[in-house]
Each structure stands twice: as C-alpha cells, then as structure tokens.
PDB file of N, CA and C in Angstrom:
ATOM      1  N   MET A   1     -41.642  49.682 -17.663  1.00  0.00           N
ATOM      2  CA  MET A   1     -40.481  49.280 -18.439  1.00  0.00           C
ATOM      3  C   MET A   1     -40.690  47.850 -18.949  1.00  0.00           C
ATOM      4  N   ALA A   2     -40.183  47.562 -20.125  1.00  0.00           N
ATOM      5  CA  ALA A   2     -40.350  46.261 -20.751  1.00  0.00           C
ATOM      6  C   ALA A   2     -39.405  45.227 -20.127  1.00  0.00           C
ATOM      7  N   HIS A   3     -39.841  44.001 -20.168  1.00  0.00           N
ATOM      8  CA  HIS A   3     -39.014  42.889 -19.707  1.00  0.00           C
ATOM      9  C   HIS A   3     -37.912  42.636 -20.728  1.00  0.00           C
ATOM     10  N   LYS A   4     -36.689  42.420 -20.274  1.00  0.00           N
ATOM     11  CA  LYS A   4     -35.551  42.171 -21.170  1.00  0.00           C
ATOM     12  C   LYS A   4     -34.940  40.825 -20.847  1.00  0.00           C
ATOM     13  N   ALA A   5     -34.412  40.142 -21.865  1.00  0.00           N
ATOM     14  CA  ALA A   5     -33.759  38.851 -21.691  1.00  0.00           C
ATOM     15  C   ALA A   5     -32.553  38.782 -22.615  1.00  0.00           C
ATOM     16  N   GLY A   6     -31.548  38.009 -22.207  1.00  0.00           N
ATOM     17  CA  GLY A   6     -30.358  37.886 -23.034  1.00  0.00           C
ATOM     18  C   GLY A   6     -29.548  36.656 -22.686  1.00  0.00           C
ATOM     19  N   PHE A   7     -28.672  36.280 -23.607  1.00  0.00           N
ATOM     20  CA  PHE A   7     -27.785  35.141 -23.444  1.00  0.00           C
ATOM     21  C   PHE A   7     -26.353  35.637 -23.280  1.00  0.00           C
ATOM     22  N   VAL A   8     -25.584  34.988 -22.398  1.00  0.00           N
ATOM     23  CA  VAL A   8     -24.170  35.297 -22.202  1.00  0.00           C
ATOM     24  C   VAL A   8     -23.395  33.990 -22.286  1.00  0.00           C
ATOM     25  N   ASN A   9     -22.520  33.860 -23.277  1.00  0.00           N
ATOM     26  CA  ASN A   9     -21.653  32.689 -23.409  1.00  0.00           C
ATOM     27  C   ASN A   9     -20.306  33.001 -22.793  1.00  0.00           C
ATOM     28  N   ILE A  10     -19.851  32.135 -21.904  1.00  0.00           N
ATOM     29  CA  ILE A  10     -18.548  32.303 -21.263  1.00  0.00           C
ATOM     30  C   ILE A  10     -17.591  31.346 -21.966  1.00  0.00           C
ATOM     31  N   ILE A  11     -16.647  31.910 -22.733  1.00  0.00           N
ATOM     32  CA  ILE A  11     -15.714  31.083 -23.504  1.00  0.00           C
ATOM     33  C   ILE A  11     -14.286  31.482 -23.168  1.00  0.00           C
ATOM     34  N   GLY A  12     -13.355  30.577 -23.444  1.00  0.00           N
ATOM     35  CA  GLY A  12     -11.945  30.865 -23.206  1.00  0.00           C
ATOM     36  C   GLY A  12     -11.128  29.589 -23.160  1.00  0.00           C
ATOM     37  N   ASN A  13      -9.884  29.725 -22.788  1.00  0.00           N
ATOM     38  CA  ASN A  13      -8.968  28.598 -22.687  1.00  0.00           C
ATOM     39  C   ASN A  13      -9.364  27.686 -21.531  1.00  0.00           C
ATOM     40  N   PRO A  14      -8.868  26.446 -21.535  1.00  0.00           N
ATOM     41  CA  PRO A  14      -9.156  25.543 -20.424  1.00  0.00           C
ATOM     42  C   PRO A  14      -8.525  26.034 -19.124  1.00  0.00           C
ATOM     43  N   ASN A  15      -9.211  25.792 -18.020  1.00  0.00           N
ATOM     44  CA  ASN A  15      -8.663  26.021 -16.679  1.00  0.00           C
ATOM     45  C   ASN A  15      -8.315  27.485 -16.392  1.00  0.00           C
ATOM     46  N   VAL A  16      -9.194  28.408 -16.811  1.00  0.00           N
ATOM     47  CA  VAL A  16      -8.944  29.828 -16.539  1.00  0.00           C
ATOM     48  C   VAL A  16      -9.998  30.464 -15.643  1.00  0.00           C
ATOM     49  N   GLY A  17     -10.997  29.661 -15.176  1.00  0.00           N
ATOM     50  CA  GLY A  17     -11.980  30.188 -14.249  1.00  0.00           C
ATOM     51  C   GLY A  17     -13.355  30.468 -14.822  1.00  0.00           C
ATOM     52  N   LYS A  18     -13.676  29.899 -15.970  1.00  0.00           N
ATOM     53  CA  LYS A  18     -14.995  30.128 -16.568  1.00  0.00           C
ATOM     54  C   LYS A  18     -16.108  29.582 -15.676  1.00  0.00           C
ATOM     55  N   SER A  19     -15.937  28.380 -15.142  1.00  0.00           N
ATOM     56  CA  SER A  19     -16.959  27.784 -14.275  1.00  0.00           C
ATOM     57  C   SER A  19     -17.087  28.554 -12.967  1.00  0.00           C
ATOM     58  N   THR A  20     -15.974  29.001 -12.416  1.00  0.00           N
ATOM     59  CA  THR A  20     -16.010  29.800 -11.192  1.00  0.00           C
ATOM     60  C   THR A  20     -16.762  31.100 -11.427  1.00  0.00           C
ATOM     61  N   LEU A  21     -16.507  31.743 -12.547  1.00  0.00           N
ATOM     62  CA  LEU A  21     -17.194  32.992 -12.881  1.00  0.00           C
ATOM     63  C   LEU A  21     -18.694  32.764 -12.993  1.00  0.00           C
ATOM     64  N   MET A  22     -19.104  31.705 -13.690  1.00  0.00           N
ATOM     65  CA  MET A  22     -20.532  31.456 -13.830  1.00  0.00           C
ATOM     66  C   MET A  22     -21.181  31.162 -12.483  1.00  0.00           C
ATOM     67  N   ASN A  23     -20.520  30.387 -11.634  1.00  0.00           N
ATOM     68  CA  ASN A  23     -21.070  30.102 -10.308  1.00  0.00           C
ATOM     69  C   ASN A  23     -21.277  31.380  -9.505  1.00  0.00           C
ATOM     70  N   VAL A  24     -20.349  32.313  -9.591  1.00  0.00           N
ATOM     71  CA  VAL A  24     -20.469  33.583  -8.859  1.00  0.00           C
ATOM     72  C   VAL A  24     -21.604  34.426  -9.440  1.00  0.00           C
ATOM     73  N   LEU A  25     -21.707  34.496 -10.761  1.00  0.00           N
ATOM     74  CA  LEU A  25     -22.746  35.305 -11.397  1.00  0.00           C
ATOM     75  C   LEU A  25     -24.151  34.768 -11.113  1.00  0.00           C
ATOM     76  N   VAL A  26     -24.291  33.441 -11.104  1.00  0.00           N
ATOM     77  CA  VAL A  26     -25.594  32.835 -10.859  1.00  0.00           C
ATOM     78  C   VAL A  26     -25.925  32.831  -9.368  1.00  0.00           C
ATOM     79  N   GLY A  27     -24.903  32.760  -8.527  1.00  0.00           N
ATOM     80  CA  GLY A  27     -25.125  32.787  -7.087  1.00  0.00           C
ATOM     81  C   GLY A  27     -25.287  31.423  -6.450  1.00  0.00           C
ATOM     82  N   THR A  28     -24.999  30.365  -7.176  1.00  0.00           N
ATOM     83  CA  THR A  28     -25.052  29.004  -6.649  1.00  0.00           C
ATOM     84  C   THR A  28     -24.037  28.142  -7.394  1.00  0.00           C
ATOM     85  N   ARG A  29     -23.722  26.993  -6.829  1.00  0.00           N
ATOM     86  CA  ARG A  29     -22.713  26.133  -7.445  1.00  0.00           C
ATOM     87  C   ARG A  29     -23.367  25.190  -8.454  1.00  0.00           C
ATOM     88  N   LEU A  30     -23.291  25.555  -9.726  1.00  0.00           N
ATOM     89  CA  LEU A  30     -23.826  24.723 -10.804  1.00  0.00           C
ATOM     90  C   LEU A  30     -22.731  23.928 -11.494  1.00  0.00           C
ATOM     91  N   SER A  31     -21.594  24.568 -11.707  1.00  0.00           N
ATOM     92  CA  SER A  31     -20.490  23.955 -12.434  1.00  0.00           C
ATOM     93  C   SER A  31     -19.457  23.389 -11.467  1.00  0.00           C
ATOM     94  N   ILE A  32     -18.838  22.295 -11.872  1.00  0.00           N
ATOM     95  CA  ILE A  32     -17.775  21.692 -11.076  1.00  0.00           C
ATOM     96  C   ILE A  32     -16.543  22.589 -11.139  1.00  0.00           C
ATOM     97  N   ILE A  33     -15.871  22.756 -10.006  1.00  0.00           N
ATOM     98  CA  ILE A  33     -14.648  23.553  -9.951  1.00  0.00           C
ATOM     99  C   ILE A  33     -13.533  22.674  -9.397  1.00  0.00           C
ATOM    100  N   THR A  34     -12.543  22.354 -10.235  1.00  0.00           N
ATOM    101  CA  THR A  34     -11.372  21.595  -9.808  1.00  0.00           C
ATOM    102  C   THR A  34     -10.143  22.176 -10.487  1.00  0.00           C
ATOM    103  N   SER A  35      -8.976  21.762 -10.030  1.00  0.00           N
ATOM    104  CA  SER A  35      -7.734  22.215 -10.665  1.00  0.00           C
ATOM    105  C   SER A  35      -7.407  21.390 -11.911  1.00  0.00           C
ATOM    106  N   LYS A  36      -8.131  20.294 -12.124  1.00  0.00           N
ATOM    107  CA  LYS A  36      -7.918  19.448 -13.296  1.00  0.00           C
ATOM    108  C   LYS A  36      -8.487  20.129 -14.544  1.00  0.00           C
ATOM    109  N   ALA A  37      -7.688  20.191 -15.597  1.00  0.00           N
ATOM    110  CA  ALA A  37      -8.147  20.813 -16.850  1.00  0.00           C
ATOM    111  C   ALA A  37      -9.217  19.962 -17.514  1.00  0.00           C
ATOM    112  N   GLN A  38     -10.083  20.620 -18.278  1.00  0.00           N
ATOM    113  CA  GLN A  38     -11.148  19.984 -19.052  1.00  0.00           C
ATOM    114  C   GLN A  38     -12.174  19.263 -18.163  1.00  0.00           C
ATOM    115  N   THR A  39     -12.518  19.842 -17.021  1.00  0.00           N
ATOM    116  CA  THR A  39     -13.547  19.262 -16.150  1.00  0.00           C
ATOM    117  C   THR A  39     -14.925  19.442 -16.759  1.00  0.00           C
ATOM    118  N   THR A  40     -15.198  20.609 -17.345  1.00  0.00           N
ATOM    119  CA  THR A  40     -16.488  20.858 -17.988  1.00  0.00           C
ATOM    120  C   THR A  40     -16.459  20.195 -19.358  1.00  0.00           C
ATOM    121  N   ARG A  41     -17.269  19.154 -19.538  1.00  0.00           N
ATOM    122  CA  ARG A  41     -17.296  18.413 -20.795  1.00  0.00           C
ATOM    123  C   ARG A  41     -18.423  18.869 -21.717  1.00  0.00           C
ATOM    124  N   HIS A  42     -19.522  19.358 -21.124  1.00  0.00           N
ATOM    125  CA  HIS A  42     -20.683  19.789 -21.891  1.00  0.00           C
ATOM    126  C   HIS A  42     -21.083  21.182 -21.437  1.00  0.00           C
ATOM    127  N   ARG A  43     -21.806  21.875 -22.282  1.00  0.00           N
ATOM    128  CA  ARG A  43     -22.264  23.218 -21.950  1.00  0.00           C
ATOM    129  C   ARG A  43     -23.249  23.154 -20.783  1.00  0.00           C
ATOM    130  N   ILE A  44     -23.097  24.054 -19.809  1.00  0.00           N
ATOM    131  CA  ILE A  44     -23.966  24.117 -18.641  1.00  0.00           C
ATOM    132  C   ILE A  44     -24.641  25.480 -18.626  1.00  0.00           C
ATOM    133  N   HIS A  45     -25.959  25.500 -18.433  1.00  0.00           N
ATOM    134  CA  HIS A  45     -26.714  26.745 -18.425  1.00  0.00           C
ATOM    135  C   HIS A  45     -27.103  27.138 -17.004  1.00  0.00           C
ATOM    136  N   GLY A  46     -27.003  28.416 -16.717  1.00  0.00           N
ATOM    137  CA  GLY A  46     -27.485  28.980 -15.461  1.00  0.00           C
ATOM    138  C   GLY A  46     -28.370  30.170 -15.767  1.00  0.00           C
ATOM    139  N   ILE A  47     -29.513  30.282 -15.101  1.00  0.00           N
ATOM    140  CA  ILE A  47     -30.477  31.341 -15.388  1.00  0.00           C
ATOM    141  C   ILE A  47     -30.636  32.236 -14.168  1.00  0.00           C
ATOM    142  N   VAL A  48     -30.550  33.543 -14.399  1.00  0.00           N
ATOM    143  CA  VAL A  48     -30.759  34.545 -13.356  1.00  0.00           C
ATOM    144  C   VAL A  48     -32.005  35.344 -13.727  1.00  0.00           C
ATOM    145  N   ASN A  49     -32.981  35.382 -12.814  1.00  0.00           N
ATOM    146  CA  ASN A  49     -34.226  36.118 -13.044  1.00  0.00           C
ATOM    147  C   ASN A  49     -34.294  37.323 -12.121  1.00  0.00           C
ATOM    148  N   GLY A  50     -34.755  38.437 -12.656  1.00  0.00           N
ATOM    149  CA  GLY A  50     -35.027  39.639 -11.882  1.00  0.00           C
ATOM    150  C   GLY A  50     -36.448  40.089 -12.142  1.00  0.00           C
ATOM    151  N   ASP A  51     -36.832  41.215 -11.582  1.00  0.00           N
ATOM    152  CA  ASP A  51     -38.189  41.718 -11.788  1.00  0.00           C
ATOM    153  C   ASP A  51     -38.474  42.039 -13.249  1.00  0.00           C
ATOM    154  N   ASP A  52     -37.492  42.605 -13.948  1.00  0.00           N
ATOM    155  CA  ASP A  52     -37.731  42.992 -15.335  1.00  0.00           C
ATOM    156  C   ASP A  52     -36.641  42.495 -16.288  1.00  0.00           C
ATOM    157  N   TYR A  53     -35.915  41.446 -15.884  1.00  0.00           N
ATOM    158  CA  TYR A  53     -34.878  40.903 -16.760  1.00  0.00           C
ATOM    159  C   TYR A  53     -34.672  39.409 -16.506  1.00  0.00           C
ATOM    160  N   GLN A  54     -34.056  38.750 -17.482  1.00  0.00           N
ATOM    161  CA  GLN A  54     -33.633  37.360 -17.360  1.00  0.00           C
ATOM    162  C   GLN A  54     -32.332  37.209 -18.133  1.00  0.00           C
ATOM    163  N   ILE A  55     -31.322  36.614 -17.489  1.00  0.00           N
ATOM    164  CA  ILE A  55     -30.024  36.385 -18.125  1.00  0.00           C
ATOM    165  C   ILE A  55     -29.762  34.884 -18.116  1.00  0.00           C
ATOM    166  N   ILE A  56     -29.432  34.327 -19.280  1.00  0.00           N
ATOM    167  CA  ILE A  56     -29.081  32.916 -19.392  1.00  0.00           C
ATOM    168  C   ILE A  56     -27.586  32.832 -19.659  1.00  0.00           C
ATOM    169  N   TYR A  57     -26.839  32.309 -18.675  1.00  0.00           N
ATOM    170  CA  TYR A  57     -25.399  32.130 -18.810  1.00  0.00           C
ATOM    171  C   TYR A  57     -25.118  30.737 -19.343  1.00  0.00           C
ATOM    172  N   SER A  58     -24.099  30.607 -20.184  1.00  0.00           N
ATOM    173  CA  SER A  58     -23.707  29.330 -20.758  1.00  0.00           C
ATOM    174  C   SER A  58     -22.217  29.124 -20.510  1.00  0.00           C
ATOM    175  N   ASP A  59     -21.896  28.155 -19.646  1.00  0.00           N
ATOM    176  CA  ASP A  59     -20.503  27.803 -19.354  1.00  0.00           C
ATOM    177  C   ASP A  59     -20.085  26.740 -20.356  1.00  0.00           C
ATOM    178  N   THR A  60     -19.051  27.021 -21.131  1.00  0.00           N
ATOM    179  CA  THR A  60     -18.622  26.122 -22.202  1.00  0.00           C
ATOM    180  C   THR A  60     -17.309  25.435 -21.840  1.00  0.00           C
ATOM    181  N   PRO A  61     -17.031  24.272 -22.453  1.00  0.00           N
ATOM    182  CA  PRO A  61     -15.717  23.656 -22.267  1.00  0.00           C
ATOM    183  C   PRO A  61     -14.622  24.549 -22.837  1.00  0.00           C
ATOM    184  N   GLY A  62     -13.400  24.349 -22.405  1.00  0.00           N
ATOM    185  CA  GLY A  62     -12.282  25.149 -22.890  1.00  0.00           C
ATOM    186  C   GLY A  62     -12.034  24.962 -24.372  1.00  0.00           C
ATOM    187  N   ILE A  63     -11.559  26.014 -25.018  1.00  0.00           N
ATOM    188  CA  ILE A  63     -11.244  25.964 -26.442  1.00  0.00           C
ATOM    189  C   ILE A  63      -9.828  25.423 -26.598  1.00  0.00           C
ATOM    190  N   LEU A  64      -9.694  24.356 -27.369  1.00  0.00           N
ATOM    191  CA  LEU A  64      -8.397  23.729 -27.602  1.00  0.00           C
ATOM    192  C   LEU A  64      -8.034  23.827 -29.066  1.00  0.00           C
ATOM    193  N   ASP A  65      -6.744  23.903 -29.355  1.00  0.00           N
ATOM    194  CA  ASP A  65      -6.252  23.853 -30.731  1.00  0.00           C
ATOM    195  C   ASP A  65      -5.817  22.408 -30.992  1.00  0.00           C
ATOM    196  N   PRO A  66      -6.581  21.634 -31.756  1.00  0.00           N
ATOM    197  CA  PRO A  66      -6.275  20.215 -31.950  1.00  0.00           C
ATOM    198  C   PRO A  66      -4.890  19.966 -32.537  1.00  0.00           C
ATOM    199  N   SER A  67      -4.404  20.847 -33.388  1.00  0.00           N
ATOM    200  CA  SER A  67      -3.095  20.608 -34.003  1.00  0.00           C
ATOM    201  C   SER A  67      -1.967  20.701 -32.979  1.00  0.00           C
ATOM    202  N   ILE A  68      -2.083  21.588 -31.997  1.00  0.00           N
ATOM    203  CA  ILE A  68      -1.059  21.708 -30.956  1.00  0.00           C
ATOM    204  C   ILE A  68      -1.083  20.473 -30.068  1.00  0.00           C
ATOM    205  N   ASN A  69      -2.247  20.023 -29.656  1.00  0.00           N
ATOM    206  CA  ASN A  69      -2.350  18.845 -28.797  1.00  0.00           C
ATOM    207  C   ASN A  69      -1.863  17.589 -29.498  1.00  0.00           C
ATOM    208  N   PHE A  70      -2.077  17.473 -30.810  1.00  0.00           N
ATOM    209  CA  PHE A  70      -1.610  16.321 -31.559  1.00  0.00           C
ATOM    210  C   PHE A  70      -0.087  16.292 -31.588  1.00  0.00           C
ATOM    211  N   ARG A  71       0.551  17.440 -31.791  1.00  0.00           N
ATOM    212  CA  ARG A  71       2.016  17.495 -31.855  1.00  0.00           C
ATOM    213  C   ARG A  71       2.647  17.129 -30.517  1.00  0.00           C
ATOM    214  N   LYS A  72       2.012  17.488 -29.406  1.00  0.00           N
ATOM    215  CA  LYS A  72       2.563  17.176 -28.090  1.00  0.00           C
ATOM    216  C   LYS A  72       2.578  15.674 -27.829  1.00  0.00           C
ATOM    217  N   ARG A  73       1.593  14.937 -28.369  1.00  0.00           N
ATOM    218  CA  ARG A  73       1.507  13.503 -28.136  1.00  0.00           C
ATOM    219  C   ARG A  73       2.473  12.721 -29.011  1.00  0.00           C
ATOM    220  N   CYS A  74       2.877  13.271 -30.143  1.00  0.00           N
ATOM    221  CA  CYS A  74       3.742  12.528 -31.079  1.00  0.00           C
ATOM    222  C   CYS A  74       5.200  12.653 -30.698  1.00  0.00           C
TER     223      CYS A  74
END
C-alpha cells in the first residue's frame, strides 16, 4: 500500500477547545490550554506518523469578527 499524507486545519471560534482537540489527536501537550480566550496567538503544528501515513494538524487562533469587537469597545 502507498504512503499517504494530509493536512488538517482546526478552525473555529475562540475558546471552544481547538487546542485541547489537537493535543488529544497528537497524543502530547503541544498547545497551551487555559480558560483565557485568545491564548493561541500563532498557528501551531503537530505531526502524527504511522507506518503508512502522516497527518499534519494545524491549531489556529480563534476566528474573530473585527466589526463586532470594535462596537463592544465604543
């Protein structure tokens, strides 16, 4: 069987468990996990290798709507 590889981007709202999910999938603690929103500031990669596969996970910062956040501050 041929070797397979792929990328998985984990995206979503802030503080919903994206870093926790990536840590569980990779099997080690790569990403910081806190109750404070916006802890992940930069994309973090985790790589899982198997006999005939490789998966690269990408934990991304939360997606924010800038117009909503601007209105809350004014």
